[in-house]
Protein backbone atom coordinates (compact mmCIF):
# COMPACT_ATOMS: atom_id res chain seq x y z
CA MET A 1 29.26 -8.28 -16.23
CA THR A 2 30.62 -11.73 -16.93
CA ASN A 3 29.08 -14.03 -19.50
CA SER A 4 28.05 -16.60 -16.87
CA ILE A 5 24.65 -14.91 -16.32
CA ASN A 6 22.91 -13.79 -19.48
CA LYS A 7 19.26 -14.26 -18.52
CA ILE A 8 17.77 -13.13 -15.21
CA GLY A 9 14.28 -14.25 -14.22
CA ILE A 10 12.17 -11.89 -12.12
CA ILE A 11 9.13 -12.97 -10.13
CA GLN A 12 6.65 -10.32 -9.00
CA THR A 13 4.29 -11.87 -6.45
CA ALA A 14 1.66 -10.59 -3.98
CA PRO A 15 2.66 -12.27 -0.69
CA LEU A 16 0.34 -12.30 2.32
CA PRO A 17 1.75 -12.38 5.88
CA GLY A 18 1.90 -15.88 7.29
CA ASP A 19 0.29 -17.52 4.24
CA PHE A 20 3.28 -19.75 3.54
CA SER A 21 1.47 -22.33 1.41
CA ASN A 22 0.01 -19.88 -1.11
CA ASN A 23 3.15 -17.73 -1.11
CA LEU A 24 5.27 -20.82 -1.78
CA ARG A 25 2.93 -21.91 -4.57
CA ALA A 26 3.17 -18.49 -6.27
CA ILE A 27 6.98 -18.51 -6.10
CA VAL A 28 7.25 -22.02 -7.53
CA GLN A 29 4.85 -21.19 -10.33
CA GLY A 30 6.80 -18.07 -11.29
CA TYR A 31 10.12 -19.88 -10.93
CA ARG A 32 9.09 -22.68 -13.30
CA GLU A 33 7.83 -20.15 -15.83
CA CYS A 34 11.20 -18.37 -15.75
CA LEU A 35 13.06 -21.68 -15.95
CA GLU A 36 11.11 -22.64 -19.08
CA HIS A 37 12.35 -19.45 -20.73
CA GLY A 38 15.99 -20.24 -19.98
CA ALA A 39 16.70 -18.15 -16.88
CA ASP A 40 20.19 -18.59 -15.40
CA ILE A 41 19.08 -17.17 -12.06
CA VAL A 42 15.66 -16.18 -10.64
CA ILE A 43 15.01 -13.32 -8.21
CA ALA A 44 11.87 -13.00 -6.08
CA PRO A 45 10.79 -9.98 -3.97
CA ALA A 46 11.86 -9.72 -0.36
CA ALA A 47 9.29 -11.34 1.94
CA ALA A 48 7.84 -13.24 -1.03
CA LEU A 49 7.74 -16.33 1.15
CA CYS A 50 6.72 -15.05 4.59
CA GLY A 51 4.61 -12.07 3.51
CA LEU A 52 4.74 -8.31 3.81
CA GLU A 53 4.25 -6.53 7.13
CA PRO A 54 3.85 -9.63 9.31
CA GLY A 55 3.72 -7.44 12.43
CA HIS A 56 3.41 -9.46 15.64
CA LEU A 57 3.36 -12.69 13.67
CA ALA A 58 7.11 -12.34 13.13
CA MET A 59 7.66 -12.26 16.91
CA ARG A 60 6.39 -15.82 17.29
CA ARG A 61 8.80 -18.70 17.29
CA SER A 62 6.33 -20.68 15.17
CA PHE A 63 6.54 -18.02 12.45
CA LEU A 64 10.33 -18.32 12.28
CA SER A 65 10.22 -22.11 12.26
CA GLN A 66 7.59 -22.03 9.51
CA THR A 67 9.86 -19.74 7.52
CA GLN A 68 12.72 -22.24 7.73
CA LEU A 69 10.44 -25.14 6.82
CA ALA A 70 9.10 -23.17 3.85
CA LEU A 71 12.67 -22.41 2.69
CA ASP A 72 13.52 -26.12 2.88
CA SER A 73 10.36 -27.04 0.99
CA LEU A 74 11.14 -24.43 -1.63
CA SER A 75 14.63 -25.82 -2.18
CA LYS A 76 13.14 -29.22 -3.01
CA GLU A 77 10.98 -27.70 -5.75
CA LEU A 78 13.80 -25.92 -7.60
CA GLY A 79 15.58 -26.92 -10.76
CA SER A 80 18.98 -25.95 -12.11
CA ALA A 81 18.75 -22.18 -11.59
CA PRO A 82 19.34 -20.68 -8.12
CA LEU A 83 16.66 -18.50 -6.53
CA LEU A 84 17.35 -15.30 -4.57
CA LEU A 85 14.87 -13.96 -2.01
CA ALA A 86 14.74 -12.68 1.56
CA ALA A 87 12.90 -13.68 4.71
CA PHE A 88 12.55 -12.60 8.32
CA ALA A 89 15.06 -14.02 10.80
CA GLN A 90 15.53 -13.51 14.50
CA THR A 91 18.62 -12.03 16.16
CA ILE A 92 19.37 -11.50 19.86
CA SER A 93 22.33 -9.44 21.04
CA ASN A 94 24.84 -10.92 23.49
CA GLU A 95 23.56 -8.74 26.32
CA GLU A 96 20.04 -10.09 25.84
CA VAL A 97 20.86 -13.79 25.82
CA TYR A 98 18.87 -15.51 28.54
CA VAL A 99 21.23 -17.22 30.95
CA GLY A 100 18.78 -18.27 33.68
CA VAL A 101 17.33 -21.69 34.14
CA VAL A 102 13.62 -22.35 34.03
CA GLY A 103 13.11 -24.17 37.28
CA GLU A 104 11.22 -24.03 40.52
CA ASP A 105 10.88 -20.25 40.76
CA ASP A 106 10.06 -19.42 37.17
CA ALA A 107 8.63 -22.56 35.66
CA ASP A 108 5.78 -20.62 34.07
CA SER A 109 8.00 -17.91 32.53
CA ASP A 110 8.97 -17.84 28.91
CA PRO A 111 12.65 -16.88 28.41
CA TRP A 112 11.88 -15.82 24.85
CA MET A 113 9.41 -13.23 26.08
CA GLU A 114 11.80 -11.86 28.72
CA ASN A 115 14.30 -10.76 26.09
CA GLU A 116 13.72 -7.95 23.67
CA ARG A 117 14.02 -9.48 20.22
CA SER A 118 15.00 -7.93 16.95
CA ILE A 119 13.39 -9.22 13.76
CA VAL A 120 15.36 -8.45 10.63
CA MET A 121 15.18 -9.38 6.97
CA VAL A 122 17.93 -11.71 5.74
CA PRO A 123 18.71 -12.56 2.07
CA TYR A 124 18.95 -16.20 1.01
CA MET A 125 20.19 -18.07 -2.04
CA VAL A 126 18.06 -21.18 -2.50
CA GLU A 127 19.34 -23.99 -4.70
CA LYS A 128 18.29 -27.58 -5.21
CA ASN A 129 18.18 -29.08 -1.68
CA CYS A 130 20.37 -26.26 -0.36
CA VAL A 131 19.58 -22.96 1.44
CA THR A 132 22.43 -20.47 1.95
CA GLU A 133 22.11 -17.40 4.14
CA LEU A 134 23.75 -14.32 2.61
CA GLU A 135 24.96 -11.05 4.08
CA GLU A 136 23.35 -7.82 2.97
CA ASN A 137 25.68 -5.34 1.27
CA ARG A 138 28.37 -8.01 0.86
CA ASN A 139 29.60 -9.56 -2.36
CA PHE A 140 28.70 -13.19 -2.97
CA ASN A 141 29.47 -15.51 -5.85
CA VAL A 142 26.66 -16.85 -7.98
CA LEU A 143 27.41 -18.80 -11.15
CA GLY A 144 30.85 -17.21 -11.37
CA SER A 145 29.63 -13.63 -11.02
CA GLU A 146 30.05 -11.26 -8.09
CA ALA A 147 26.68 -9.95 -6.93
CA ARG A 148 25.53 -7.76 -4.06
CA ILE A 149 22.08 -7.53 -2.42
CA PHE A 150 20.45 -4.49 -0.84
CA LEU A 151 17.14 -4.87 1.00
CA SER A 152 16.28 -1.18 0.73
CA ASP A 153 16.06 1.53 -1.90
CA GLU A 154 18.32 3.95 -0.07
CA GLU A 155 21.23 5.43 -1.99
CA GLN A 156 24.23 3.24 -1.09
CA LEU A 157 27.18 2.99 -3.42
CA PRO A 158 29.18 -0.19 -2.71
CA ASP A 159 32.83 0.14 -1.80
CA GLU A 160 33.78 -2.95 -3.81
CA SER A 161 33.29 -3.74 -7.47
CA SER A 162 30.44 -6.11 -8.41
CA ASP A 163 29.15 -7.68 -11.59
CA PHE A 164 25.59 -6.67 -10.77
CA ILE A 165 23.54 -5.12 -7.97
CA ILE A 166 20.27 -6.62 -6.71
CA ARG A 167 17.80 -4.45 -4.81
CA MET A 168 14.80 -5.93 -2.96
CA PRO A 169 13.06 -2.96 -1.34
CA ILE A 170 9.78 -3.47 0.53
CA THR A 171 8.73 0.17 0.79
CA PRO A 172 5.10 1.04 -0.02
CA TRP A 173 4.17 2.90 -3.17
CA PHE A 174 3.25 6.57 -3.23
CA VAL A 175 2.52 9.04 -6.00
CA GLY A 176 5.77 9.91 -7.75
CA SER A 177 7.81 7.05 -6.28
CA ALA A 178 8.15 5.26 -9.64
CA ALA A 179 9.82 8.27 -11.24
CA ASP A 180 12.13 8.67 -8.23
CA ASP A 181 13.15 5.01 -8.43
CA ALA A 182 13.86 5.21 -12.15
CA GLU A 183 16.10 8.22 -11.67
CA LEU A 184 17.93 6.66 -8.71
CA TYR A 185 18.61 3.25 -10.24
CA SER A 186 19.60 4.65 -13.62
CA TRP A 187 22.09 6.96 -11.93
CA GLU A 188 23.38 4.17 -9.68
CA ALA A 189 23.94 1.76 -12.58
CA ASN A 190 25.77 4.43 -14.56
CA MET A 191 27.94 5.48 -11.61
CA ILE A 192 28.90 1.94 -10.56
CA GLY A 193 29.21 0.65 -14.10
CA CYS A 194 27.24 -2.56 -13.59
CA PRO A 195 23.62 -3.62 -14.13
CA VAL A 196 21.08 -2.94 -11.37
CA VAL A 197 18.11 -5.26 -10.80
CA CYS A 198 15.24 -3.98 -8.64
CA VAL A 199 12.54 -6.47 -7.63
CA ARG A 200 9.40 -5.23 -5.86
CA PRO A 201 6.34 -7.06 -4.50
CA VAL A 202 2.72 -6.34 -5.40
CA GLY A 203 -0.30 -6.13 -3.14
CA THR A 204 -2.04 -4.29 -0.33
CA ILE A 205 -1.60 -4.80 3.40
CA GLY A 206 -4.00 -2.62 5.36
CA GLY A 207 -3.63 0.84 3.89
CA ASN A 208 -0.18 0.35 2.32
CA ILE A 209 -0.06 -0.39 -1.40
CA TYR A 210 2.90 -2.14 -3.03
CA SER A 211 3.33 -1.38 -6.70
CA GLY A 212 5.58 -3.96 -8.32
CA GLY A 213 7.02 -2.48 -11.52
CA SER A 214 10.29 -4.42 -11.08
CA SER A 215 13.00 -3.16 -13.42
CA VAL A 216 16.47 -3.93 -14.81
CA TYR A 217 19.02 -1.27 -15.79
CA SER A 218 22.13 -1.79 -17.90
CA SER A 219 25.63 -0.74 -16.86
CA THR A 220 25.10 2.53 -18.75
CA GLY A 221 21.86 3.35 -16.92
CA ASP A 222 19.49 2.36 -19.72
CA LEU A 223 16.23 0.62 -18.85
CA LEU A 224 16.43 -2.94 -20.21
CA ALA A 225 13.10 -4.28 -18.98
CA GLN A 226 10.24 -3.47 -16.65
CA LEU A 227 7.38 -5.56 -15.32
CA PRO A 228 3.85 -4.13 -15.20
CA MET A 229 2.84 -2.09 -12.18
CA PHE A 230 0.21 -3.35 -9.69
CA GLU A 231 0.11 -6.78 -11.34
CA THR A 232 1.70 -10.14 -10.54
CA ALA A 233 4.05 -11.27 -13.29
CA ALA A 234 7.12 -13.33 -14.18
CA LYS A 235 9.63 -12.37 -16.85
CA VAL A 236 13.06 -13.40 -18.10
CA VAL A 237 15.34 -10.49 -19.01
CA ASN A 238 18.11 -10.97 -21.56
CA MET A 239 20.97 -8.82 -20.28
CA THR A 240 22.49 -8.48 -23.74
CA ARG A 241 19.57 -6.61 -25.29
CA ALA A 242 16.68 -4.41 -24.24
CA ALA A 243 13.20 -5.88 -24.15
CA GLN A 244 10.02 -4.18 -25.30
CA LEU A 245 9.03 -1.83 -22.47
CA PRO A 246 5.42 -1.42 -21.33
CA ARG A 247 3.76 1.94 -21.71
CA GLN A 248 4.71 4.23 -18.84
CA MET A 249 1.81 5.42 -16.69
CA ASP A 250 1.61 8.99 -15.49
CA ASN A 251 0.99 9.83 -11.82
CA THR A 252 -2.80 10.07 -12.15
CA GLU A 253 -3.00 6.74 -13.96
CA GLN A 254 -0.78 5.13 -11.33
CA LEU A 255 -3.01 6.56 -8.59
CA SER A 256 -6.09 5.10 -10.26
CA ALA A 257 -4.45 1.69 -10.66
CA ALA A 258 -3.20 1.78 -7.05
CA LEU A 259 -6.65 2.53 -5.61
CA GLN A 260 -8.19 -0.21 -7.72
CA ARG A 261 -5.54 -2.65 -6.46
CA GLY A 262 -6.19 -1.52 -2.87
CA ILE A 263 -9.94 -2.05 -3.17
CA ARG A 264 -9.53 -5.44 -4.84
CA ASP A 265 -6.97 -6.71 -2.31
CA ASN A 266 -8.93 -5.56 0.73
CA VAL A 267 -12.04 -7.31 -0.59
CA ARG A 268 -10.09 -10.52 -1.19
CA ASN A 269 -7.95 -10.45 1.95
CA ASN A 270 -10.97 -9.90 4.22
CA CYS A 271 -13.19 -12.47 2.46
CA PHE A 272 -15.83 -10.02 1.21
CA SER A 273 -17.83 -10.79 -1.91
CA GLY A 274 -17.84 -7.19 -3.16
CA VAL A 275 -18.29 -3.57 -2.07
CA CYS A 276 -21.23 -1.42 -1.03
CA ILE A 277 -20.98 2.31 -1.81
CA PRO A 278 -23.14 5.14 -0.41
CA MET A 279 -24.52 6.95 -3.47
CA ASP A 280 -25.50 10.31 -1.91
CA HIS A 281 -22.03 11.87 -1.53
CA THR A 282 -20.16 14.09 -3.98
CA ASN A 283 -17.32 11.52 -4.14
CA SER A 284 -19.69 8.62 -4.90
CA PRO A 285 -19.29 8.71 -8.72
CA LEU A 286 -15.50 8.34 -8.45
CA LEU A 287 -15.79 5.51 -5.92
CA VAL A 288 -18.30 3.69 -8.12
CA ALA A 289 -16.03 3.99 -11.16
CA LEU A 290 -12.97 2.74 -9.26
CA ALA A 291 -14.89 -0.18 -7.76
CA ILE A 292 -16.32 -1.24 -11.12
CA GLU A 293 -12.84 -1.12 -12.68
CA ALA A 294 -11.42 -3.16 -9.79
CA LEU A 295 -14.16 -5.75 -9.25
CA GLY A 296 -16.64 -5.56 -12.10
CA ALA A 297 -20.17 -4.16 -11.98
CA GLY A 298 -21.61 -7.44 -10.67
CA ASN A 299 -19.62 -7.14 -7.43
CA VAL A 300 -20.55 -3.51 -6.71
CA CYS A 301 -23.74 -2.52 -4.90
CA GLY A 302 -25.03 0.95 -4.04
CA ILE A 303 -27.20 2.24 -1.22
CA SER A 304 -29.12 5.50 -1.42
CA PHE A 305 -31.65 7.25 0.79
CA ASN A 306 -32.86 9.41 -2.09
CA LYS A 307 -35.16 7.70 -4.59
CA GLU A 308 -34.36 10.40 -7.14
CA ASN A 309 -30.70 9.39 -7.18
CA LYS A 310 -30.06 7.71 -10.56
CA LEU A 311 -26.30 7.19 -10.14
CA ALA A 312 -26.58 3.42 -9.72
CA GLU A 313 -28.81 3.16 -12.78
CA LYS A 314 -26.28 5.08 -14.87
CA ALA A 315 -23.46 2.87 -13.63
CA GLY A 316 -25.38 -0.34 -14.26
CA ILE A 317 -25.14 -1.64 -10.70
CA SER A 318 -27.77 -2.78 -8.21
CA CYS A 319 -28.88 -0.33 -5.53
CA PHE A 320 -30.81 -0.56 -2.26
CA TYR A 321 -33.25 2.24 -1.31
CA PRO A 322 -34.19 1.87 2.39
CA GLN A 323 -37.52 3.25 3.60
CA THR A 324 -36.62 5.27 6.71
CA GLY A 325 -39.45 7.80 6.99
CA GLN A 326 -41.28 6.29 9.95
CA LEU A 327 -38.02 5.35 11.68
CA GLU A 328 -36.72 8.91 11.43
CA GLU A 329 -39.96 10.35 12.77
CA ALA A 330 -39.85 8.05 15.79
CA ALA A 331 -36.20 8.85 16.47
CA LEU A 332 -36.70 12.61 16.12
CA ALA A 333 -39.53 12.45 18.62
CA CYS A 334 -36.98 11.21 21.15
CA VAL A 335 -34.09 13.63 20.51
CA GLY A 336 -35.78 16.71 19.08
CA GLN A 337 -35.68 18.47 15.73
CA GLU A 338 -32.51 20.44 16.53
CA ASP A 339 -30.46 17.22 16.23
CA ALA A 340 -32.17 16.05 13.05
CA ALA A 341 -29.11 16.28 10.73
CA ALA A 342 -26.80 14.42 13.11
CA LEU A 343 -29.36 11.74 13.82
CA ARG A 344 -30.16 11.24 10.14
CA GLU A 345 -26.48 10.88 9.18
CA ARG A 346 -25.81 8.30 11.91
CA MET A 347 -28.98 6.40 11.13
CA HIS A 348 -28.13 6.20 7.45
CA THR A 349 -24.62 4.91 8.22
CA ALA A 350 -25.96 2.25 10.61
CA ILE A 351 -28.43 1.04 7.99
CA ALA A 352 -25.72 1.01 5.30
CA LEU A 353 -23.37 -1.02 7.51
CA THR A 354 -26.12 -3.47 8.39
CA HIS A 355 -27.09 -3.86 4.74
CA ALA A 356 -23.48 -4.40 3.65
CA GLU A 357 -22.55 -6.91 6.35
CA ALA A 358 -25.74 -8.90 5.87
CA ARG A 359 -24.73 -9.44 2.23
CA GLY A 360 -21.01 -9.97 2.84
CA LEU A 361 -20.05 -6.64 1.27
CA MET A 362 -17.32 -4.19 2.27
CA LEU A 363 -18.78 -0.73 2.93
CA CYS A 364 -16.70 2.10 1.47
CA CYS A 365 -16.38 5.40 3.32
CA THR A 366 -16.71 8.35 0.91
CA LEU A 367 -14.68 10.93 2.86
CA GLY A 368 -11.69 12.71 1.32
CA ARG A 369 -8.58 14.15 2.94
CA ARG A 370 -9.97 17.67 3.45
CA GLU A 371 -13.13 16.43 5.18
CA ILE A 372 -11.14 14.08 7.41
CA MET A 373 -8.61 16.67 8.54
CA LEU A 374 -11.21 19.37 9.20
CA GLY A 375 -13.59 16.99 10.94
CA ASP A 376 -16.44 17.65 8.48
CA PHE A 377 -18.23 14.50 9.57
CA ARG A 378 -19.92 13.17 12.67
CA MET A 379 -18.70 10.29 14.79
CA CYS A 380 -20.64 7.14 13.90
CA GLY A 381 -21.75 9.03 10.80
CA LEU A 382 -20.00 9.43 7.45
CA SER A 383 -16.82 7.95 8.92
CA GLY A 384 -18.49 4.54 9.21
CA GLY A 385 -17.31 1.78 6.91
CA HIS A 386 -14.58 -0.81 6.39
CA ILE A 387 -12.27 1.18 4.12
CA ALA A 388 -11.81 4.78 2.95
CA PRO A 389 -10.23 4.56 -0.53
CA LEU A 390 -10.21 8.36 -1.02
CA GLY A 391 -9.25 9.28 2.54
CA ASN A 392 -5.73 10.30 1.53
CA LEU A 393 -6.71 12.40 -1.50
CA TYR A 394 -7.23 16.14 -1.62
CA ASP A 395 -9.91 17.72 -3.80
CA ILE A 396 -7.53 18.31 -6.70
CA ASP A 397 -6.55 14.62 -6.74
CA ILE A 398 -10.20 13.58 -6.73
CA PHE A 399 -10.86 16.03 -9.58
CA LEU A 400 -7.97 14.71 -11.71
CA LEU A 401 -9.02 11.10 -11.14
CA SER A 402 -12.59 11.96 -12.11
CA GLU A 403 -11.34 13.66 -15.27
CA ARG A 404 -9.43 10.53 -16.27
CA LEU A 405 -12.28 8.10 -15.57
CA LYS A 406 -14.86 10.39 -17.18
CA GLU A 407 -13.87 9.02 -20.61
CA GLN A 408 -14.85 5.49 -19.54
CA PHE A 409 -17.91 6.53 -17.48
CA PRO A 410 -19.29 9.71 -19.08
CA ASP A 411 -22.76 9.23 -17.59
CA LEU A 412 -21.44 9.08 -14.03
CA PHE A 413 -19.59 12.38 -13.88
CA GLY A 414 -21.27 14.78 -16.26
CA ALA A 415 -19.74 18.26 -16.30
CA LEU A 416 -16.88 18.59 -13.80
CA ALA A 417 -16.18 21.98 -12.26
CA THR A 418 -12.81 23.14 -10.98
CA PRO A 419 -12.43 21.79 -7.42
CA PRO A 420 -13.12 24.33 -4.67
CA HIS A 421 -11.25 24.78 -1.39
CA GLY A 422 -7.86 25.20 -3.08
CA THR A 423 -6.45 27.41 -0.34
CA THR A 424 -7.87 25.20 2.38
CA ASN A 425 -6.25 22.12 0.87
CA ARG A 426 -2.86 23.84 0.64
CA ILE A 427 -2.99 24.96 4.27
CA ILE A 428 -3.96 21.46 5.43
CA HIS A 429 -1.12 20.01 3.36
CA GLU A 430 1.42 22.35 4.97
CA LEU A 431 0.18 21.75 8.52
CA ALA A 432 -0.58 18.02 8.43
CA ASP A 433 1.76 16.64 5.74
CA MET A 434 4.78 18.92 5.66
CA ASN A 435 4.76 19.58 9.43
CA THR A 436 5.05 23.33 8.88
CA PRO A 437 4.39 25.40 12.05
CA PRO A 438 1.41 27.74 11.65
CA SER A 439 3.56 30.74 12.48
CA GLU A 440 5.73 30.08 9.42
CA LEU A 441 2.68 30.10 7.14
CA LEU A 442 2.00 33.67 8.32
CA HIS A 443 5.58 34.92 8.01
CA GLU A 444 5.98 37.51 5.27
CA GLU A 445 9.34 36.15 4.09
CA MET A 446 7.87 32.67 3.46
CA ASN A 447 5.56 34.02 0.72
CA TYR A 448 2.77 31.53 1.43
CA LEU A 449 0.16 34.28 0.87
CA PHE A 450 -2.26 32.77 3.39
CA LYS A 451 -4.58 34.89 5.50
CA GLU A 452 -4.12 34.62 9.24
CA ASN A 453 -7.83 34.00 9.84
CA ASP A 454 -7.80 31.08 7.40
CA VAL A 455 -4.70 29.48 8.93
CA ARG A 456 -5.91 29.83 12.51
CA LEU A 457 -9.39 28.53 11.69
CA ILE A 458 -8.02 25.42 9.96
CA GLN A 459 -5.51 24.99 12.78
CA ARG A 460 -8.29 24.95 15.38
CA LYS A 461 -10.41 22.56 13.31
CA ILE A 462 -7.55 20.09 12.90
CA VAL A 463 -6.88 20.10 16.64
CA ALA A 464 -10.55 19.95 17.66
CA SER A 465 -11.34 17.03 15.34
CA ALA A 466 -8.38 14.85 16.39
CA ILE A 467 -10.55 12.51 18.45
CA LYS A 468 -12.88 11.96 15.50
CA ARG A 469 -10.06 10.56 13.42
CA THR A 470 -9.53 7.72 15.87
CA GLN A 471 -12.73 6.16 14.52
CA LEU A 472 -11.77 6.18 10.85
CA PRO A 473 -11.63 2.94 8.82
CA VAL A 474 -8.56 1.77 6.90
CA ILE A 475 -7.31 4.54 4.59
CA LEU A 476 -5.42 3.70 1.40
CA HIS A 477 -2.15 5.65 1.52
CA ALA A 478 -1.11 7.45 -1.64
CA ASP A 479 1.13 10.18 -0.22
CA ALA A 480 4.89 10.30 0.17
CA PRO A 481 6.34 9.14 3.51
CA THR A 482 6.65 12.61 5.00
CA GLU A 483 6.95 13.50 8.66
CA GLN A 484 3.30 12.97 9.51
CA LEU A 485 1.85 14.48 12.65
CA HIS A 486 0.65 12.06 15.29
CA PHE A 487 -2.73 12.65 16.87
CA PRO A 488 -3.66 14.30 19.14
CA ILE A 489 -1.60 17.08 17.61
CA SER A 490 -2.59 20.04 19.76
CA HIS A 491 0.90 20.18 21.29
CA ARG A 492 2.36 20.68 17.81
CA LEU A 493 -0.09 23.19 16.34
CA ASN A 494 -0.66 25.41 19.37
CA ASP A 495 2.24 27.77 18.71
């Protein structure tokens, strides 16, 4: 690398889709902080200006015009150091260019809507009163150095020599992704023989969690600097020497931090004042601990239909105990005693939702991955809520998280037993996550050691409960991007 760039500033922001004013303010704040520490160039995450996962917003012409206006406004706020980022732009192929004239016959038609549009991410170099569009995977000159930008984390070795590589991936986090990234970028820097800079955003959009943890690797593959995971930050990296690295989190600690970030962002993004947690489920202690870590005890409220439940008292949070005796008796007189369990579950969920919404709280669903896939809940029952933080976790993940948080909340968990349903969880994982046909799980040469009755029973439950899963709230994703089955999945599992 040439001597023209010795200090690289990295901004790690949490951009929201379409929130140009706040996104712009966060970029400018981080940029000025890096400039004060002598940065020669500053790099922001892709979509730091227009937001992650804009969806249908990006298809609007107003969104694209706002993006250009925000880029122009950003250029006026910059100082001496250039800023690299990316934003959504619109492209239309030659075959799709509208050549008609809006006249007498089609005065009400919109030519933009008649053409299929492609929205792509484009890198930009923003300087004082100047915005330059760059080409991905092409060398460009910045301060006398040859740089190259990739907007993905796929393995792509450039065919031309560069002074440094910049990666701006916008892929969601999953358990184990940080270790995979470290191995990939270290290998890439060593193979190419130039530093690699990876800048990632932070935040939660729906169920996808973005981790941050931006990093810089030397030309020999050594880690020079890394920003904290799941936190907004700004840092200037001296390319001539390694900085003090933060403590590396293991997978369970990352999972805990990711769920806390997901809860906190969903509360903020949807304008809730806190969360309400049902206290009568086996997963309630873990949810309470995660919510307290994310929001503080003052923003967490419990609801329990059992006066003997002391979980809220142990956690130091407020709790609501509805009186439903007379209501249940009147309802059971209408439907009969044989439907008592179903009626009680649905009634409790309706009361919990009403209580939460009346107080501006986000109701958390307590279901885990095994219960969701097997349909161990009733429609309009336990599946009710605004978010399911544990909906992507198997029993072993819930157990490991509880073990970690037990040190901070010993009164909540007590003695933890080894999680049951180990075989059931493995079969669900193979069928629903790995897309393994049921017949292969029973093949002797595959050595899965599953009983046919177990596989077929779980297979039938997954298929039969597909319609229930259409009612689920937002689930925080913590699994790898595998080939997930789409529901209904009876055509795939009926082999």
